[in-house]
């Protein structure tokens, strides 16, 4: 529910041309790994294998954590929504 409220607030800021980036130096590999971990319950419930295999152990870069969180969360949500039981993400 909190994600939905934040998305609505962000949409409103975008309409008012007040949307800006809040860049932070972040280990993107660890950041995405943690997002993937939040989907393990969903994976178990739907009998879907969830695997995260990064090309590097870590990679630090400047990102807007909120935007990346939303993008990866939406990608994973859609992957689980359209992956059949017994599949893999």
PDB file of N, CA and C in Angstrom:
ATOM      1  N   UNK A   1       0.821  -1.178   0.000  1.00  0.00           N
ATOM      2  CA  UNK A   1       0.000   0.000   0.000  1.00  0.00           C
ATOM      3  C   UNK A   1       0.879   1.261   0.000  1.00  0.00           C
ATOM      4  N   UNK A   2       1.950   1.230   0.790  1.00  0.00           N
ATOM      5  CA  UNK A   2       2.859   2.365   0.850  1.00  0.00           C
ATOM      6  C   UNK A   2       3.487   2.632  -0.511  1.00  0.00           C
ATOM      7  N   UNK A   3       3.834   1.561  -1.245  1.00  0.00           N
ATOM      8  CA  UNK A   3       4.399   1.736  -2.590  1.00  0.00           C
ATOM      9  C   UNK A   3       3.408   2.453  -3.495  1.00  0.00           C
ATOM     10  N   UNK A   4       2.160   2.081  -3.420  1.00  0.00           N
ATOM     11  CA  UNK A   4       1.126   2.692  -4.255  1.00  0.00           C
ATOM     12  C   UNK A   4       0.963   4.176  -3.927  1.00  0.00           C
ATOM     13  N   UNK A   5       0.952   4.515  -2.662  1.00  0.00           N
ATOM     14  CA  UNK A   5       0.828   5.920  -2.252  1.00  0.00           C
ATOM     15  C   UNK A   5       2.015   6.715  -2.766  1.00  0.00           C
ATOM     16  N   UNK A   6       3.215   6.159  -2.610  1.00  0.00           N
ATOM     17  CA  UNK A   6       4.408   6.850  -3.099  1.00  0.00           C
ATOM     18  C   UNK A   6       4.380   7.035  -4.610  1.00  0.00           C
ATOM     19  N   UNK A   7       3.870   6.054  -5.326  1.00  0.00           N
ATOM     20  CA  UNK A   7       3.769   6.167  -6.780  1.00  0.00           C
ATOM     21  C   UNK A   7       2.785   7.275  -7.169  1.00  0.00           C
ATOM     22  N   UNK A   8       1.687   7.372  -6.453  1.00  0.00           N
ATOM     23  CA  UNK A   8       0.714   8.429  -6.741  1.00  0.00           C
ATOM     24  C   UNK A   8       1.307   9.810  -6.459  1.00  0.00           C
ATOM     25  N   UNK A   9       2.039   9.925  -5.357  1.00  0.00           N
ATOM     26  CA  UNK A   9       2.678  11.206  -5.042  1.00  0.00           C
ATOM     27  C   UNK A   9       3.719  11.568  -6.091  1.00  0.00           C
ATOM     28  N   UNK A  10       4.473  10.585  -6.529  1.00  0.00           N
ATOM     29  CA  UNK A  10       5.487  10.826  -7.550  1.00  0.00           C
ATOM     30  C   UNK A  10       4.841  11.223  -8.875  1.00  0.00           C
ATOM     31  N   UNK A  11       3.753  10.578  -9.223  1.00  0.00           N
ATOM     32  CA  UNK A  11       3.029  10.930 -10.445  1.00  0.00           C
ATOM     33  C   UNK A  11       2.569  12.383 -10.393  1.00  0.00           C
ATOM     34  N   UNK A  12       2.101  12.803  -9.240  1.00  0.00           N
ATOM     35  CA  UNK A  12       1.656  14.188  -9.063  1.00  0.00           C
ATOM     36  C   UNK A  12       2.826  15.162  -9.227  1.00  0.00           C
ATOM     37  N   UNK A  13       3.984  14.828  -8.635  1.00  0.00           N
ATOM     38  CA  UNK A  13       5.169  15.675  -8.790  1.00  0.00           C
ATOM     39  C   UNK A  13       5.588  15.748 -10.249  1.00  0.00           C
ATOM     40  N   UNK A  14       5.470  14.640 -10.959  1.00  0.00           N
ATOM     41  CA  UNK A  14       5.837  14.614 -12.373  1.00  0.00           C
ATOM     42  C   UNK A  14       4.899  15.536 -13.166  1.00  0.00           C
ATOM     43  N   UNK A  15       3.624  15.522 -12.841  1.00  0.00           N
ATOM     44  CA  UNK A  15       2.671  16.395 -13.522  1.00  0.00           C
ATOM     45  C   UNK A  15       2.995  17.869 -13.287  1.00  0.00           C
ATOM     46  N   UNK A  16       3.531  18.171 -12.120  1.00  0.00           N
ATOM     47  CA  UNK A  16       3.858  19.557 -11.771  1.00  0.00           C
ATOM     48  C   UNK A  16       5.294  19.927 -12.131  1.00  0.00           C
ATOM     49  N   UNK A  17       5.981  19.071 -12.880  1.00  0.00           N
ATOM     50  CA  UNK A  17       7.376  19.293 -13.275  1.00  0.00           C
ATOM     51  C   UNK A  17       8.297  19.545 -12.081  1.00  0.00           C
ATOM     52  N   UNK A  18       8.046  18.849 -10.975  1.00  0.00           N
ATOM     53  CA  UNK A  18       8.870  18.999  -9.779  1.00  0.00           C
ATOM     54  C   UNK A  18       9.564  17.697  -9.411  1.00  0.00           C
ATOM     55  N   UNK A  19       9.733  16.838 -10.370  1.00  0.00           N
ATOM     56  CA  UNK A  19      10.375  15.561 -10.128  1.00  0.00           C
ATOM     57  C   UNK A  19      11.867  15.720 -10.356  1.00  0.00           C
ATOM     58  N   UNK A  20      12.668  15.303  -9.386  1.00  0.00           N
ATOM     59  CA  UNK A  20      14.114  15.413  -9.528  1.00  0.00           C
ATOM     60  C   UNK A  20      14.776  14.138  -9.019  1.00  0.00           C
ATOM     61  N   UNK A  21      15.997  13.936  -9.440  1.00  0.00           N
ATOM     62  CA  UNK A  21      16.750  12.763  -9.011  1.00  0.00           C
ATOM     63  C   UNK A  21      17.432  13.030  -7.679  1.00  0.00           C
ATOM     64  N   UNK A  22      17.498  12.002  -6.852  1.00  0.00           N
ATOM     65  CA  UNK A  22      18.228  12.056  -5.582  1.00  0.00           C
ATOM     66  C   UNK A  22      19.302  10.980  -5.661  1.00  0.00           C
ATOM     67  N   UNK A  23      20.424  11.318  -6.282  1.00  0.00           N
ATOM     68  CA  UNK A  23      21.478  10.334  -6.532  1.00  0.00           C
ATOM     69  C   UNK A  23      22.268  10.029  -5.262  1.00  0.00           C
ATOM     70  N   UNK A  24      22.520   8.743  -5.069  1.00  0.00           N
ATOM     71  CA  UNK A  24      23.319   8.266  -3.940  1.00  0.00           C
ATOM     72  C   UNK A  24      24.294   7.227  -4.456  1.00  0.00           C
ATOM     73  N   UNK A  25      25.499   7.241  -3.925  1.00  0.00           N
ATOM     74  CA  UNK A  25      26.472   6.207  -4.282  1.00  0.00           C
ATOM     75  C   UNK A  25      26.019   4.907  -3.627  1.00  0.00           C
ATOM     76  N   UNK A  26      25.795   3.889  -4.447  1.00  0.00           N
ATOM     77  CA  UNK A  26      25.191   2.644  -3.980  1.00  0.00           C
ATOM     78  C   UNK A  26      25.824   1.447  -4.668  1.00  0.00           C
ATOM     79  N   UNK A  27      25.962   0.362  -3.937  1.00  0.00           N
ATOM     80  CA  UNK A  27      26.365  -0.905  -4.545  1.00  0.00           C
ATOM     81  C   UNK A  27      25.121  -1.482  -5.209  1.00  0.00           C
ATOM     82  N   UNK A  28      25.026  -1.344  -6.509  1.00  0.00           N
ATOM     83  CA  UNK A  28      23.826  -1.737  -7.251  1.00  0.00           C
ATOM     84  C   UNK A  28      23.571  -3.233  -7.168  1.00  0.00           C
ATOM     85  N   UNK A  29      24.625  -4.028  -7.122  1.00  0.00           N
ATOM     86  CA  UNK A  29      24.456  -5.485  -7.044  1.00  0.00           C
ATOM     87  C   UNK A  29      23.766  -5.850  -5.734  1.00  0.00           C
ATOM     88  N   UNK A  30      24.250  -5.315  -4.637  1.00  0.00           N
ATOM     89  CA  UNK A  30      23.658  -5.592  -3.329  1.00  0.00           C
ATOM     90  C   UNK A  30      22.238  -5.036  -3.246  1.00  0.00           C
ATOM     91  N   UNK A  31      22.028  -3.871  -3.827  1.00  0.00           N
ATOM     92  CA  UNK A  31      20.707  -3.242  -3.816  1.00  0.00           C
ATOM     93  C   UNK A  31      19.680  -4.126  -4.524  1.00  0.00           C
ATOM     94  N   UNK A  32      20.020  -4.594  -5.716  1.00  0.00           N
ATOM     95  CA  UNK A  32      19.097  -5.441  -6.477  1.00  0.00           C
ATOM     96  C   UNK A  32      18.936  -6.804  -5.798  1.00  0.00           C
ATOM     97  N   UNK A  33      20.025  -7.320  -5.237  1.00  0.00           N
ATOM     98  CA  UNK A  33      19.944  -8.598  -4.500  1.00  0.00           C
ATOM     99  C   UNK A  33      18.909  -8.494  -3.368  1.00  0.00           C
ATOM    100  N   UNK A  34      18.959  -7.412  -2.618  1.00  0.00           N
ATOM    101  CA  UNK A  34      18.008  -7.234  -1.518  1.00  0.00           C
ATOM    102  C   UNK A  34      16.573  -7.131  -2.013  1.00  0.00           C
ATOM    103  N   UNK A  35      16.372  -6.490  -3.149  1.00  0.00           N
ATOM    104  CA  UNK A  35      15.033  -6.441  -3.727  1.00  0.00           C
ATOM    105  C   UNK A  35      14.557  -7.838  -4.118  1.00  0.00           C
ATOM    106  N   UNK A  36      15.455  -8.617  -4.693  1.00  0.00           N
ATOM    107  CA  UNK A  36      15.101  -9.993  -5.071  1.00  0.00           C
ATOM    108  C   UNK A  36      14.728 -10.813  -3.841  1.00  0.00           C
ATOM    109  N   UNK A  37      15.445 -10.597  -2.752  1.00  0.00           N
ATOM    110  CA  UNK A  37      15.162 -11.336  -1.518  1.00  0.00           C
ATOM    111  C   UNK A  37      13.733 -11.095  -1.035  1.00  0.00           C
ATOM    112  N   UNK A  38      13.215  -9.914  -1.279  1.00  0.00           N
ATOM    113  CA  UNK A  38      11.859  -9.600  -0.828  1.00  0.00           C
ATOM    114  C   UNK A  38      10.795 -10.382  -1.599  1.00  0.00           C
ATOM    115  N   UNK A  39      11.186 -11.065  -2.671  1.00  0.00           N
ATOM    116  CA  UNK A  39      10.242 -11.852  -3.468  1.00  0.00           C
ATOM    117  C   UNK A  39      10.311 -13.350  -3.176  1.00  0.00           C
ATOM    118  N   UNK A  40      11.118 -13.758  -2.201  1.00  0.00           N
ATOM    119  CA  UNK A  40      11.237 -15.191  -1.924  1.00  0.00           C
ATOM    120  C   UNK A  40       9.931 -15.822  -1.443  1.00  0.00           C
ATOM    121  N   UNK A  41       9.162 -15.101  -0.635  1.00  0.00           N
ATOM    122  CA  UNK A  41       7.875 -15.642  -0.196  1.00  0.00           C
ATOM    123  C   UNK A  41       6.933 -15.846  -1.380  1.00  0.00           C
ATOM    124  N   UNK A  42       6.912 -14.886  -2.272  1.00  0.00           N
ATOM    125  CA  UNK A  42       6.082 -15.004  -3.476  1.00  0.00           C
ATOM    126  C   UNK A  42       6.534 -16.189  -4.312  1.00  0.00           C
ATOM    127  N   UNK A  43       7.845 -16.336  -4.451  1.00  0.00           N
ATOM    128  CA  UNK A  43       8.391 -17.455  -5.227  1.00  0.00           C
ATOM    129  C   UNK A  43       7.972 -18.791  -4.604  1.00  0.00           C
ATOM    130  N   UNK A  44       8.070 -18.887  -3.297  1.00  0.00           N
ATOM    131  CA  UNK A  44       7.679 -20.125  -2.609  1.00  0.00           C
ATOM    132  C   UNK A  44       6.192 -20.409  -2.781  1.00  0.00           C
ATOM    133  N   UNK A  45       5.370 -19.384  -2.624  1.00  0.00           N
ATOM    134  CA  UNK A  45       3.920 -19.555  -2.742  1.00  0.00           C
ATOM    135  C   UNK A  45       3.508 -19.996  -4.141  1.00  0.00           C
ATOM    136  N   UNK A  46       4.193 -19.486  -5.158  1.00  0.00           N
ATOM    137  CA  UNK A  46       3.832 -19.801  -6.541  1.00  0.00           C
ATOM    138  C   UNK A  46       4.665 -20.946  -7.120  1.00  0.00           C
ATOM    139  N   UNK A  47       5.546 -21.533  -6.295  1.00  0.00           N
ATOM    140  CA  UNK A  47       6.414 -22.630  -6.734  1.00  0.00           C
ATOM    141  C   UNK A  47       7.238 -22.224  -7.954  1.00  0.00           C
ATOM    142  N   UNK A  48       7.850 -21.046  -7.836  1.00  0.00           N
ATOM    143  CA  UNK A  48       8.693 -20.503  -8.897  1.00  0.00           C
ATOM    144  C   UNK A  48      10.115 -20.379  -8.356  1.00  0.00           C
ATOM    145  N   UNK A  49      11.085 -20.819  -9.141  1.00  0.00           N
ATOM    146  CA  UNK A  49      12.484 -20.718  -8.742  1.00  0.00           C
ATOM    147  C   UNK A  49      12.971 -19.293  -8.994  1.00  0.00           C
ATOM    148  N   UNK A  50      13.482 -18.639  -7.953  1.00  0.00           N
ATOM    149  CA  UNK A  50      14.011 -17.280  -8.066  1.00  0.00           C
ATOM    150  C   UNK A  50      15.522 -17.348  -7.937  1.00  0.00           C
ATOM    151  N   UNK A  51      16.213 -16.868  -8.959  1.00  0.00           N
ATOM    152  CA  UNK A  51      17.673 -16.898  -8.974  1.00  0.00           C
ATOM    153  C   UNK A  51      18.209 -15.520  -9.341  1.00  0.00           C
ATOM    154  N   UNK A  52      19.216 -15.085  -8.593  1.00  0.00           N
ATOM    155  CA  UNK A  52      19.897 -13.825  -8.899  1.00  0.00           C
ATOM    156  C   UNK A  52      21.367 -14.158  -9.119  1.00  0.00           C
ATOM    157  N   UNK A  53      21.843 -13.968 -10.337  1.00  0.00           N
ATOM    158  CA  UNK A  53      23.227 -14.306 -10.686  1.00  0.00           C
ATOM    159  C   UNK A  53      23.889 -13.059 -11.287  1.00  0.00           C
ATOM    160  N   UNK A  54      24.529 -12.258 -10.443  1.00  0.00           N
ATOM    161  CA  UNK A  54      25.163 -11.043 -10.969  1.00  0.00           C
ATOM    162  C   UNK A  54      26.456 -11.358 -11.705  1.00  0.00           C
ATOM    163  N   UNK A  55      26.805 -10.512 -12.652  1.00  0.00           N
ATOM    164  CA  UNK A  55      28.050 -10.678 -13.400  1.00  0.00           C
ATOM    165  C   UNK A  55      29.258 -10.305 -12.541  1.00  0.00           C
ATOM    166  N   UNK A  56      29.033  -9.439 -11.525  1.00  0.00           N
ATOM    167  CA  UNK A  56      30.098  -9.008 -10.617  1.00  0.00           C
ATOM    168  C   UNK A  56      29.604  -9.143  -9.184  1.00  0.00           C
ATOM    169  N   UNK A  57      30.534  -9.284  -8.253  1.00  0.00           N
ATOM    170  CA  UNK A  57      30.146  -9.376  -6.845  1.00  0.00           C
ATOM    171  C   UNK A  57      29.606  -8.059  -6.320  1.00  0.00           C
ATOM    172  N   UNK A  58      30.162  -6.957  -6.786  1.00  0.00           N
ATOM    173  CA  UNK A  58      29.654  -5.650  -6.401  1.00  0.00           C
ATOM    174  C   UNK A  58      30.016  -4.642  -7.489  1.00  0.00           C
ATOM    175  N   UNK A  59      29.244  -3.581  -7.523  1.00  0.00           N
ATOM    176  CA  UNK A  59      29.490  -2.504  -8.479  1.00  0.00           C
ATOM    177  C   UNK A  59      28.854  -1.245  -7.906  1.00  0.00           C
ATOM    178  N   UNK A  60      29.683  -0.286  -7.566  1.00  0.00           N
ATOM    179  CA  UNK A  60      29.199   0.946  -6.960  1.00  0.00           C
ATOM    180  C   UNK A  60      28.966   1.995  -8.042  1.00  0.00           C
ATOM    181  N   UNK A  61      27.804   2.640  -7.942  1.00  0.00           N
ATOM    182  CA  UNK A  61      27.456   3.683  -8.890  1.00  0.00           C
ATOM    183  C   UNK A  61      26.475   4.644  -8.232  1.00  0.00           C
ATOM    184  N   UNK A  62      26.253   5.781  -8.871  1.00  0.00           N
ATOM    185  CA  UNK A  62      25.289   6.747  -8.369  1.00  0.00           C
ATOM    186  C   UNK A  62      23.926   6.436  -8.980  1.00  0.00           C
ATOM    187  N   UNK A  63      22.941   6.207  -8.107  1.00  0.00           N
ATOM    188  CA  UNK A  63      21.581   5.902  -8.559  1.00  0.00           C
ATOM    189  C   UNK A  63      20.576   6.657  -7.696  1.00  0.00           C
ATOM    190  N   UNK A  64      19.384   6.812  -8.224  1.00  0.00           N
ATOM    191  CA  UNK A  64      18.257   7.258  -7.424  1.00  0.00           C
ATOM    192  C   UNK A  64      17.600   5.980  -6.916  1.00  0.00           C
ATOM    193  N   UNK A  65      17.806   5.689  -5.659  1.00  0.00           N
ATOM    194  CA  UNK A  65      17.351   4.424  -5.092  1.00  0.00           C
ATOM    195  C   UNK A  65      15.843   4.212  -5.260  1.00  0.00           C
ATOM    196  N   UNK A  66      15.071   5.264  -5.148  1.00  0.00           N
ATOM    197  CA  UNK A  66      13.625   5.150  -5.297  1.00  0.00           C
ATOM    198  C   UNK A  66      13.218   4.731  -6.695  1.00  0.00           C
ATOM    199  N   UNK A  67      13.843   5.332  -7.711  1.00  0.00           N
ATOM    200  CA  UNK A  67      13.509   4.983  -9.091  1.00  0.00           C
ATOM    201  C   UNK A  67      13.949   3.558  -9.435  1.00  0.00           C
ATOM    202  N   UNK A  68      15.153   3.197  -9.011  1.00  0.00           N
ATOM    203  CA  UNK A  68      15.640   1.838  -9.289  1.00  0.00           C
ATOM    204  C   UNK A  68      14.799   0.818  -8.546  1.00  0.00           C
ATOM    205  N   UNK A  69      14.448   1.118  -7.297  1.00  0.00           N
ATOM    206  CA  UNK A  69      13.587   0.226  -6.519  1.00  0.00           C
ATOM    207  C   UNK A  69      12.280  -0.015  -7.261  1.00  0.00           C
ATOM    208  N   UNK A  70      11.677   1.062  -7.733  1.00  0.00           N
ATOM    209  CA  UNK A  70      10.391   0.945  -8.428  1.00  0.00           C
ATOM    210  C   UNK A  70      10.525   0.133  -9.721  1.00  0.00           C
ATOM    211  N   UNK A  71      11.575   0.408 -10.490  1.00  0.00           N
ATOM    212  CA  UNK A  71      11.767  -0.295 -11.762  1.00  0.00           C
ATOM    213  C   UNK A  71      11.989  -1.789 -11.546  1.00  0.00           C
ATOM    214  N   UNK A  72      12.882  -2.139 -10.628  1.00  0.00           N
ATOM    215  CA  UNK A  72      13.172  -3.556 -10.383  1.00  0.00           C
ATOM    216  C   UNK A  72      11.969  -4.243  -9.757  1.00  0.00           C
ATOM    217  N   UNK A  73      11.306  -3.567  -8.828  1.00  0.00           N
ATOM    218  CA  UNK A  73      10.114  -4.134  -8.195  1.00  0.00           C
ATOM    219  C   UNK A  73       9.032  -4.434  -9.242  1.00  0.00           C
ATOM    220  N   UNK A  74       8.818  -3.485 -10.155  1.00  0.00           N
ATOM    221  CA  UNK A  74       7.812  -3.697 -11.206  1.00  0.00           C
ATOM    222  C   UNK A  74       8.207  -4.833 -12.145  1.00  0.00           C
ATOM    223  N   UNK A  75       9.485  -4.907 -12.491  1.00  0.00           N
ATOM    224  CA  UNK A  75       9.955  -6.011 -13.345  1.00  0.00           C
ATOM    225  C   UNK A  75       9.735  -7.359 -12.670  1.00  0.00           C
ATOM    226  N   UNK A  76      10.103  -7.442 -11.405  1.00  0.00           N
ATOM    227  CA  UNK A  76       9.934  -8.711 -10.680  1.00  0.00           C
ATOM    228  C   UNK A  76       8.458  -9.034 -10.471  1.00  0.00           C
ATOM    229  N   UNK A  77       7.665  -8.034 -10.154  1.00  0.00           N
ATOM    230  CA  UNK A  77       6.224  -8.268  -9.986  1.00  0.00           C
ATOM    231  C   UNK A  77       5.608  -8.824 -11.262  1.00  0.00           C
ATOM    232  N   UNK A  78       5.945  -8.229 -12.389  1.00  0.00           N
ATOM    233  CA  UNK A  78       5.419  -8.717 -13.667  1.00  0.00           C
ATOM    234  C   UNK A  78       5.951 -10.098 -13.997  1.00  0.00           C
ATOM    235  N   UNK A  79       7.212 -10.342 -13.677  1.00  0.00           N
ATOM    236  CA  UNK A  79       7.783 -11.668 -13.936  1.00  0.00           C
ATOM    237  C   UNK A  79       7.021 -12.729 -13.156  1.00  0.00           C
ATOM    238  N   UNK A  80       6.728 -12.466 -11.900  1.00  0.00           N
ATOM    239  CA  UNK A  80       5.989 -13.441 -11.096  1.00  0.00           C
ATOM    240  C   UNK A  80       4.531 -13.538 -11.521  1.00  0.00           C
ATOM    241  N   UNK A  81       3.977 -12.443 -11.971  1.00  0.00           N
ATOM    242  CA  UNK A  81       2.588 -12.440 -12.423  1.00  0.00           C
ATOM    243  C   UNK A  81       2.397 -13.325 -13.657  1.00  0.00           C
ATOM    244  N   UNK A  82       3.385 -13.314 -14.568  1.00  0.00           N
ATOM    245  CA  UNK A  82       3.225 -14.021 -15.841  1.00  0.00           C
ATOM    246  C   UNK A  82       4.027 -15.312 -15.947  1.00  0.00           C
ATOM    247  N   UNK A  83       4.741 -15.688 -14.900  1.00  0.00           N
ATOM    248  CA  UNK A  83       5.487 -16.956 -14.922  1.00  0.00           C
ATOM    249  C   UNK A  83       4.576 -18.051 -14.369  1.00  0.00           C
ATOM    250  N   UNK A  84       4.424 -19.149 -15.095  1.00  0.00           N
ATOM    251  CA  UNK A  84       3.555 -20.215 -14.610  1.00  0.00           C
ATOM    252  C   UNK A  84       4.188 -20.963 -13.438  1.00  0.00           C
ATOM    253  N   UNK A  85       3.335 -21.634 -12.684  1.00  0.00           N
ATOM    254  CA  UNK A  85       3.769 -22.464 -11.559  1.00  0.00           C
ATOM    255  C   UNK A  85       4.838 -23.438 -12.047  1.00  0.00           C
ATOM    256  N   UNK A  86       5.915 -23.545 -11.275  1.00  0.00           N
ATOM    257  CA  UNK A  86       7.019 -24.428 -11.662  1.00  0.00           C
ATOM    258  C   UNK A  86       8.046 -23.767 -12.551  1.00  0.00           C
ATOM    259  N   UNK A  87       7.815 -22.510 -12.927  1.00  0.00           N
ATOM    260  CA  UNK A  87       8.741 -21.790 -13.786  1.00  0.00           C
ATOM    261  C   UNK A  87       9.900 -21.204 -12.995  1.00  0.00           C
ATOM    262  N   UNK A  88      10.637 -20.328 -13.651  1.00  0.00           N
ATOM    263  CA  UNK A  88      11.770 -19.695 -12.966  1.00  0.00           C
ATOM    264  C   UNK A  88      11.908 -18.240 -13.385  1.00  0.00           C
ATOM    265  N   UNK A  89      12.385 -17.453 -12.448  1.00  0.00           N
ATOM    266  CA  UNK A  89      12.637 -16.027 -12.666  1.00  0.00           C
ATOM    267  C   UNK A  89      14.084 -15.780 -12.311  1.00  0.00           C
TER     268      UNK A  89
END
